[in-house]
Amino acid sequence: MVSARRGLVGFLLAIGNACIFALLVTGIDAHRGRVLTLVNGLSRACTALALLLGGVLATTVGARAAYVIVGVAGLVVAIGAATAYGGSQSDVTSRTLPSSTSQRRVRRTDSSIRRSWVTSRTVPWKASIACSNCSMAGRSR
């Protein structure tokens, strides 16, 4: 039973780490390597500090009391983070996309017909001519 719990905790930690690092990698472009190095370094430093403080706490108040104190502190931090994040979420505007069943009505006007005629007259009909006439074609190859 204990090994099943440890396996579940390990599995959930792996999922949590994957989600956190996916957010870090996709959210940061300019200094991605520096940020990931900082996060990994802080994670290892905090792990060592937690082992030290946990040992001191366990020898001072006992193992059971140490687990209760750390659990309550973790809940307080989680509730505080959720409250802080929840308050700033109202400022974010969400984008909604039109449904797949919506239709866009386009009305042809005289100017759109003229633009269509001008465009169809100036666009080359061969791909090789289009590539040679395009100023960006040489740069994109």
N, C-alpha and C. Protein backbone atom coordinates (compact mmCIF):
# COMPACT_ATOMS: atom_id res chain seq x y z
N MET A 1 0.81 -1.19 0.00
CA MET A 1 0.00 0.00 0.00
C MET A 1 0.86 1.27 0.00
N VAL A 2 1.92 1.26 0.79
CA VAL A 2 2.81 2.42 0.86
C VAL A 2 3.51 2.64 -0.47
N SER A 3 3.94 1.55 -1.10
CA SER A 3 4.64 1.71 -2.39
C SER A 3 3.70 2.19 -3.48
N ALA A 4 2.41 1.82 -3.40
CA ALA A 4 1.44 2.33 -4.38
C ALA A 4 1.26 3.83 -4.21
N ARG A 5 1.21 4.31 -2.96
CA ARG A 5 1.09 5.75 -2.72
C ARG A 5 2.32 6.49 -3.23
N ARG A 6 3.48 5.93 -2.97
CA ARG A 6 4.71 6.58 -3.44
C ARG A 6 4.75 6.62 -4.96
N GLY A 7 4.31 5.55 -5.58
CA GLY A 7 4.26 5.53 -7.04
C GLY A 7 3.31 6.58 -7.59
N LEU A 8 2.15 6.74 -6.94
CA LEU A 8 1.18 7.74 -7.37
C LEU A 8 1.73 9.15 -7.20
N VAL A 9 2.37 9.40 -6.05
CA VAL A 9 2.96 10.72 -5.81
C VAL A 9 4.06 11.01 -6.84
N GLY A 10 4.90 10.03 -7.13
CA GLY A 10 5.95 10.22 -8.13
C GLY A 10 5.38 10.49 -9.51
N PHE A 11 4.31 9.78 -9.85
CA PHE A 11 3.66 9.98 -11.15
C PHE A 11 3.07 11.39 -11.24
N LEU A 12 2.39 11.83 -10.18
CA LEU A 12 1.79 13.17 -10.19
C LEU A 12 2.85 14.27 -10.19
N LEU A 13 3.97 14.04 -9.51
CA LEU A 13 5.06 15.03 -9.56
C LEU A 13 5.64 15.13 -10.97
N ALA A 14 5.75 14.00 -11.65
CA ALA A 14 6.25 14.03 -13.03
C ALA A 14 5.32 14.82 -13.94
N ILE A 15 4.02 14.63 -13.77
CA ILE A 15 3.05 15.37 -14.58
C ILE A 15 3.13 16.87 -14.25
N GLY A 16 3.22 17.19 -12.96
CA GLY A 16 3.33 18.60 -12.56
C GLY A 16 4.58 19.26 -13.13
N ASN A 17 5.71 18.57 -13.04
CA ASN A 17 6.95 19.12 -13.60
C ASN A 17 6.86 19.31 -15.10
N ALA A 18 6.25 18.35 -15.78
CA ALA A 18 6.10 18.48 -17.24
C ALA A 18 5.25 19.69 -17.60
N CYS A 19 4.17 19.91 -16.86
CA CYS A 19 3.31 21.07 -17.13
C CYS A 19 4.04 22.38 -16.85
N ILE A 20 4.75 22.44 -15.74
CA ILE A 20 5.46 23.68 -15.39
C ILE A 20 6.53 23.99 -16.43
N PHE A 21 7.31 22.99 -16.83
CA PHE A 21 8.37 23.26 -17.79
C PHE A 21 7.81 23.53 -19.18
N ALA A 22 6.67 22.95 -19.51
CA ALA A 22 6.04 23.28 -20.80
C ALA A 22 5.62 24.74 -20.82
N LEU A 23 5.08 25.23 -19.71
CA LEU A 23 4.72 26.65 -19.64
C LEU A 23 5.96 27.54 -19.72
N LEU A 24 7.02 27.13 -19.06
CA LEU A 24 8.25 27.93 -19.10
C LEU A 24 8.85 27.97 -20.50
N VAL A 25 8.88 26.83 -21.16
CA VAL A 25 9.50 26.76 -22.48
C VAL A 25 8.68 27.52 -23.52
N THR A 26 7.37 27.41 -23.46
CA THR A 26 6.55 28.10 -24.46
C THR A 26 6.33 29.57 -24.15
N GLY A 27 6.47 29.96 -22.89
CA GLY A 27 6.20 31.34 -22.53
C GLY A 27 7.39 32.27 -22.62
N ILE A 28 8.59 31.73 -22.70
CA ILE A 28 9.80 32.55 -22.68
C ILE A 28 10.59 32.30 -23.95
N ASP A 29 10.92 33.36 -24.66
CA ASP A 29 11.67 33.20 -25.90
C ASP A 29 13.10 33.73 -25.80
N ALA A 30 13.26 34.90 -25.25
CA ALA A 30 14.54 35.60 -25.33
C ALA A 30 15.64 34.93 -24.51
N HIS A 31 15.39 34.64 -23.27
CA HIS A 31 16.42 34.11 -22.37
C HIS A 31 15.99 32.77 -21.79
N ARG A 32 15.54 31.88 -22.66
CA ARG A 32 15.00 30.59 -22.21
C ARG A 32 16.03 29.78 -21.44
N GLY A 33 17.25 29.71 -21.91
CA GLY A 33 18.29 28.93 -21.24
C GLY A 33 18.60 29.46 -19.86
N ARG A 34 18.67 30.77 -19.74
CA ARG A 34 18.96 31.37 -18.44
C ARG A 34 17.83 31.13 -17.45
N VAL A 35 16.60 31.25 -17.92
CA VAL A 35 15.45 31.05 -17.03
C VAL A 35 15.38 29.61 -16.57
N LEU A 36 15.56 28.67 -17.48
CA LEU A 36 15.51 27.25 -17.09
C LEU A 36 16.65 26.90 -16.14
N THR A 37 17.83 27.48 -16.35
CA THR A 37 18.95 27.25 -15.43
C THR A 37 18.62 27.81 -14.06
N LEU A 38 18.04 28.99 -14.01
CA LEU A 38 17.66 29.60 -12.74
C LEU A 38 16.61 28.76 -12.02
N VAL A 39 15.61 28.30 -12.74
CA VAL A 39 14.55 27.49 -12.12
C VAL A 39 15.11 26.18 -11.59
N ASN A 40 15.94 25.51 -12.36
CA ASN A 40 16.54 24.26 -11.89
C ASN A 40 17.44 24.49 -10.69
N GLY A 41 18.24 25.54 -10.72
CA GLY A 41 19.12 25.84 -9.59
C GLY A 41 18.35 26.16 -8.32
N LEU A 42 17.30 26.97 -8.45
CA LEU A 42 16.47 27.29 -7.28
C LEU A 42 15.75 26.06 -6.76
N SER A 43 15.32 25.20 -7.65
CA SER A 43 14.65 23.97 -7.23
C SER A 43 15.58 23.08 -6.41
N ARG A 44 16.79 22.92 -6.88
CA ARG A 44 17.76 22.10 -6.13
C ARG A 44 18.15 22.75 -4.81
N ALA A 45 18.32 24.07 -4.80
CA ALA A 45 18.68 24.77 -3.56
C ALA A 45 17.55 24.68 -2.54
N CYS A 46 16.32 24.84 -2.99
CA CYS A 46 15.18 24.76 -2.07
C CYS A 46 14.99 23.33 -1.55
N THR A 47 15.31 22.32 -2.37
CA THR A 47 15.23 20.94 -1.91
C THR A 47 16.22 20.70 -0.78
N ALA A 48 17.44 21.17 -0.93
CA ALA A 48 18.45 21.01 0.12
C ALA A 48 18.05 21.78 1.38
N LEU A 49 17.54 22.98 1.21
CA LEU A 49 17.10 23.78 2.35
C LEU A 49 15.92 23.12 3.06
N ALA A 50 14.99 22.54 2.30
CA ALA A 50 13.83 21.86 2.90
C ALA A 50 14.26 20.64 3.70
N LEU A 51 15.26 19.90 3.20
CA LEU A 51 15.76 18.76 3.97
C LEU A 51 16.37 19.22 5.29
N LEU A 52 17.12 20.29 5.25
CA LEU A 52 17.73 20.81 6.46
C LEU A 52 16.67 21.30 7.46
N LEU A 53 15.74 22.12 6.98
CA LEU A 53 14.70 22.64 7.86
C LEU A 53 13.76 21.54 8.36
N GLY A 54 13.46 20.58 7.50
CA GLY A 54 12.61 19.47 7.91
C GLY A 54 13.26 18.63 9.01
N GLY A 55 14.56 18.41 8.89
CA GLY A 55 15.28 17.68 9.94
C GLY A 55 15.28 18.41 11.26
N VAL A 56 15.51 19.71 11.21
CA VAL A 56 15.50 20.52 12.44
C VAL A 56 14.09 20.52 13.05
N LEU A 57 13.06 20.70 12.21
CA LEU A 57 11.69 20.72 12.71
C LEU A 57 11.28 19.38 13.30
N ALA A 58 11.67 18.28 12.64
CA ALA A 58 11.32 16.94 13.14
C ALA A 58 12.00 16.63 14.46
N THR A 59 13.23 17.07 14.64
CA THR A 59 13.89 16.81 15.92
C THR A 59 13.37 17.74 17.02
N THR A 60 12.86 18.89 16.64
CA THR A 60 12.37 19.84 17.64
C THR A 60 10.97 19.48 18.14
N VAL A 61 10.02 19.26 17.22
CA VAL A 61 8.63 19.03 17.62
C VAL A 61 8.15 17.60 17.39
N GLY A 62 8.93 16.79 16.73
CA GLY A 62 8.54 15.42 16.43
C GLY A 62 8.10 15.28 14.98
N ALA A 63 8.13 14.04 14.48
CA ALA A 63 7.85 13.78 13.06
C ALA A 63 6.40 14.07 12.70
N ARG A 64 5.46 13.61 13.53
CA ARG A 64 4.04 13.83 13.21
C ARG A 64 3.69 15.32 13.21
N ALA A 65 4.13 16.03 14.20
CA ALA A 65 3.85 17.47 14.27
C ALA A 65 4.51 18.20 13.11
N ALA A 66 5.68 17.75 12.70
CA ALA A 66 6.37 18.38 11.57
C ALA A 66 5.56 18.20 10.29
N TYR A 67 5.00 17.00 10.08
CA TYR A 67 4.16 16.77 8.91
C TYR A 67 2.91 17.65 8.93
N VAL A 68 2.30 17.81 10.12
CA VAL A 68 1.11 18.66 10.23
C VAL A 68 1.46 20.11 9.95
N ILE A 69 2.54 20.59 10.52
CA ILE A 69 2.96 21.99 10.32
C ILE A 69 3.26 22.26 8.84
N VAL A 70 3.99 21.36 8.23
CA VAL A 70 4.35 21.54 6.81
C VAL A 70 3.11 21.43 5.92
N GLY A 71 2.20 20.52 6.25
CA GLY A 71 0.96 20.39 5.47
C GLY A 71 0.10 21.63 5.54
N VAL A 72 -0.06 22.18 6.76
CA VAL A 72 -0.85 23.40 6.92
C VAL A 72 -0.19 24.57 6.19
N ALA A 73 1.13 24.67 6.29
CA ALA A 73 1.84 25.74 5.60
C ALA A 73 1.67 25.61 4.08
N GLY A 74 1.72 24.39 3.56
CA GLY A 74 1.50 24.17 2.13
C GLY A 74 0.12 24.57 1.69
N LEU A 75 -0.90 24.26 2.50
CA LEU A 75 -2.26 24.67 2.17
C LEU A 75 -2.42 26.18 2.20
N VAL A 76 -1.80 26.84 3.16
CA VAL A 76 -1.87 28.30 3.24
C VAL A 76 -1.24 28.93 2.00
N VAL A 77 -0.10 28.41 1.58
CA VAL A 77 0.56 28.94 0.38
C VAL A 77 -0.30 28.69 -0.85
N ALA A 78 -0.89 27.49 -0.97
CA ALA A 78 -1.73 27.17 -2.13
C ALA A 78 -2.97 28.06 -2.18
N ILE A 79 -3.60 28.27 -1.04
CA ILE A 79 -4.79 29.13 -1.00
C ILE A 79 -4.41 30.57 -1.31
N GLY A 80 -3.29 31.04 -0.78
CA GLY A 80 -2.83 32.39 -1.07
C GLY A 80 -2.53 32.59 -2.54
N ALA A 81 -1.88 31.61 -3.15
CA ALA A 81 -1.56 31.70 -4.58
C ALA A 81 -2.83 31.67 -5.42
N ALA A 82 -3.79 30.81 -5.05
CA ALA A 82 -5.04 30.74 -5.80
C ALA A 82 -5.83 32.04 -5.66
N THR A 83 -5.81 32.63 -4.48
CA THR A 83 -6.51 33.90 -4.26
C THR A 83 -5.85 35.02 -5.06
N ALA A 84 -4.53 35.06 -5.03
CA ALA A 84 -3.82 36.11 -5.76
C ALA A 84 -4.01 35.96 -7.26
N TYR A 85 -3.97 34.74 -7.76
CA TYR A 85 -4.15 34.51 -9.19
C TYR A 85 -5.60 34.73 -9.60
N GLY A 86 -6.52 34.33 -8.77
CA GLY A 86 -7.94 34.48 -9.08
C GLY A 86 -8.35 35.94 -9.17
N GLY A 87 -7.74 36.80 -8.37
CA GLY A 87 -8.08 38.22 -8.40
C GLY A 87 -7.62 38.90 -9.68
N SER A 88 -6.49 38.49 -10.23
CA SER A 88 -5.97 39.13 -11.44
C SER A 88 -6.55 38.51 -12.70
N GLN A 89 -7.29 37.43 -12.56
CA GLN A 89 -7.83 36.76 -13.74
C GLN A 89 -8.96 37.56 -14.38
N SER A 90 -9.64 38.40 -13.62
CA SER A 90 -10.74 39.19 -14.19
C SER A 90 -10.24 40.25 -15.16
N ASP A 91 -8.97 40.63 -15.05
CA ASP A 91 -8.41 41.63 -15.94
C ASP A 91 -8.10 41.08 -17.33
N VAL A 92 -8.03 39.78 -17.45
CA VAL A 92 -7.65 39.15 -18.71
C VAL A 92 -8.88 39.02 -19.59
N THR A 93 -8.76 39.46 -20.82
CA THR A 93 -9.86 39.30 -21.76
C THR A 93 -9.66 38.02 -22.54
N SER A 94 -10.74 37.32 -22.76
CA SER A 94 -10.65 36.06 -23.49
C SER A 94 -11.13 36.28 -24.92
N ARG A 95 -10.52 35.53 -25.81
CA ARG A 95 -10.94 35.60 -27.20
C ARG A 95 -11.86 34.43 -27.48
N THR A 96 -12.94 34.69 -28.14
CA THR A 96 -13.83 33.61 -28.55
C THR A 96 -13.80 33.54 -30.06
N LEU A 97 -13.75 32.35 -30.54
CA LEU A 97 -13.74 32.13 -31.98
C LEU A 97 -15.16 31.83 -32.44
N PRO A 98 -15.49 32.18 -33.68
CA PRO A 98 -16.84 31.86 -34.16
C PRO A 98 -17.02 30.36 -34.28
N SER A 99 -18.23 29.93 -34.12
CA SER A 99 -18.49 28.50 -34.20
C SER A 99 -18.29 28.02 -35.63
N SER A 100 -18.09 26.72 -35.76
CA SER A 100 -17.84 26.16 -37.09
C SER A 100 -19.08 26.22 -37.97
N THR A 101 -20.26 26.44 -37.37
CA THR A 101 -21.48 26.49 -38.17
C THR A 101 -21.83 27.90 -38.60
N SER A 102 -21.05 28.91 -38.13
CA SER A 102 -21.37 30.28 -38.51
C SER A 102 -20.98 30.51 -39.97
N GLN A 103 -21.73 31.40 -40.61
CA GLN A 103 -21.47 31.71 -42.01
C GLN A 103 -21.13 33.19 -42.13
N ARG A 104 -20.24 33.45 -43.05
CA ARG A 104 -19.85 34.83 -43.31
C ARG A 104 -20.46 35.24 -44.64
N ARG A 105 -21.24 36.27 -44.61
CA ARG A 105 -21.89 36.73 -45.85
C ARG A 105 -21.02 37.79 -46.49
N VAL A 106 -20.69 37.57 -47.74
CA VAL A 106 -19.87 38.52 -48.48
C VAL A 106 -20.70 39.05 -49.64
N ARG A 107 -20.76 40.36 -49.71
CA ARG A 107 -21.50 41.00 -50.79
C ARG A 107 -20.52 41.58 -51.78
N ARG A 108 -20.69 41.28 -53.03
CA ARG A 108 -19.80 41.79 -54.06
C ARG A 108 -20.23 43.21 -54.42
N THR A 109 -19.25 44.10 -54.39
CA THR A 109 -19.51 45.48 -54.76
C THR A 109 -18.72 45.80 -56.03
N ASP A 110 -18.96 46.96 -56.59
CA ASP A 110 -18.23 47.35 -57.79
C ASP A 110 -16.73 47.43 -57.53
N SER A 111 -16.35 47.98 -56.38
CA SER A 111 -14.92 48.11 -56.09
C SER A 111 -14.27 46.74 -55.86
N SER A 112 -14.99 45.81 -55.23
CA SER A 112 -14.39 44.49 -55.04
C SER A 112 -14.26 43.75 -56.36
N ILE A 113 -15.18 43.97 -57.26
CA ILE A 113 -15.08 43.34 -58.58
C ILE A 113 -13.89 43.92 -59.34
N ARG A 114 -13.68 45.26 -59.27
CA ARG A 114 -12.53 45.87 -59.93
C ARG A 114 -11.22 45.37 -59.33
N ARG A 115 -11.15 45.27 -57.99
CA ARG A 115 -9.93 44.77 -57.36
C ARG A 115 -9.66 43.34 -57.78
N SER A 116 -10.70 42.54 -57.86
CA SER A 116 -10.54 41.16 -58.27
C SER A 116 -10.03 41.09 -59.71
N TRP A 117 -10.53 41.96 -60.59
CA TRP A 117 -10.11 41.95 -61.98
C TRP A 117 -8.65 42.39 -62.09
N VAL A 118 -8.25 43.41 -61.32
CA VAL A 118 -6.87 43.90 -61.36
C VAL A 118 -5.93 42.83 -60.82
N THR A 119 -6.30 42.20 -59.74
CA THR A 119 -5.45 41.16 -59.16
C THR A 119 -5.30 39.98 -60.11
N SER A 120 -6.38 39.54 -60.72
CA SER A 120 -6.29 38.39 -61.61
C SER A 120 -5.50 38.72 -62.87
N ARG A 121 -5.44 39.98 -63.25
CA ARG A 121 -4.69 40.37 -64.43
C ARG A 121 -3.20 40.47 -64.14
N THR A 122 -2.79 40.76 -62.89
CA THR A 122 -1.39 40.96 -62.60
C THR A 122 -0.72 39.75 -61.96
N VAL A 123 -1.47 38.79 -61.50
CA VAL A 123 -0.88 37.60 -60.90
C VAL A 123 -0.45 36.65 -62.00
N PRO A 124 0.81 36.21 -62.02
CA PRO A 124 1.27 35.30 -63.07
C PRO A 124 0.59 33.93 -62.95
N TRP A 125 0.39 33.29 -64.08
CA TRP A 125 -0.31 32.00 -64.07
C TRP A 125 0.65 30.83 -63.94
N LYS A 126 1.96 31.04 -64.09
CA LYS A 126 2.94 29.97 -63.91
C LYS A 126 3.66 30.17 -62.58
N ALA A 127 3.92 29.08 -61.88
CA ALA A 127 4.59 29.16 -60.58
C ALA A 127 6.02 29.67 -60.74
N SER A 128 6.71 29.28 -61.82
CA SER A 128 8.09 29.72 -62.00
C SER A 128 8.17 31.22 -62.23
N ILE A 129 7.22 31.78 -62.92
CA ILE A 129 7.19 33.22 -63.14
C ILE A 129 6.89 33.94 -61.82
N ALA A 130 5.99 33.37 -61.02
CA ALA A 130 5.62 33.98 -59.75
C ALA A 130 6.82 34.01 -58.82
N CYS A 131 7.61 32.94 -58.80
CA CYS A 131 8.77 32.91 -57.91
C CYS A 131 9.82 33.93 -58.34
N SER A 132 10.02 34.08 -59.66
CA SER A 132 11.04 35.02 -60.11
C SER A 132 10.60 36.46 -59.97
N ASN A 133 9.30 36.71 -59.99
CA ASN A 133 8.80 38.07 -59.86
C ASN A 133 8.66 38.51 -58.41
N CYS A 134 8.63 37.59 -57.51
CA CYS A 134 8.40 37.93 -56.09
C CYS A 134 9.72 38.37 -55.47
N SER A 135 9.73 39.52 -54.79
CA SER A 135 10.94 40.01 -54.19
C SER A 135 11.37 39.17 -52.98
N MET A 136 10.42 38.51 -52.32
CA MET A 136 10.74 37.71 -51.15
C MET A 136 11.10 36.27 -51.51
N ALA A 137 10.88 35.87 -52.74
CA ALA A 137 11.11 34.48 -53.12
C ALA A 137 12.55 34.07 -52.94
N GLY A 138 13.47 34.95 -53.29
CA GLY A 138 14.89 34.61 -53.15
C GLY A 138 15.32 34.47 -51.70
N ARG A 139 14.69 35.24 -50.81
CA ARG A 139 15.05 35.19 -49.40
C ARG A 139 14.47 33.99 -48.68
N SER A 140 13.33 33.49 -49.15
CA SER A 140 12.67 32.41 -48.43
C SER A 140 13.19 31.03 -48.82
N ARG A 141 14.02 30.96 -49.83
CA ARG A 141 14.52 29.64 -50.25
C ARG A 141 15.75 29.25 -49.51
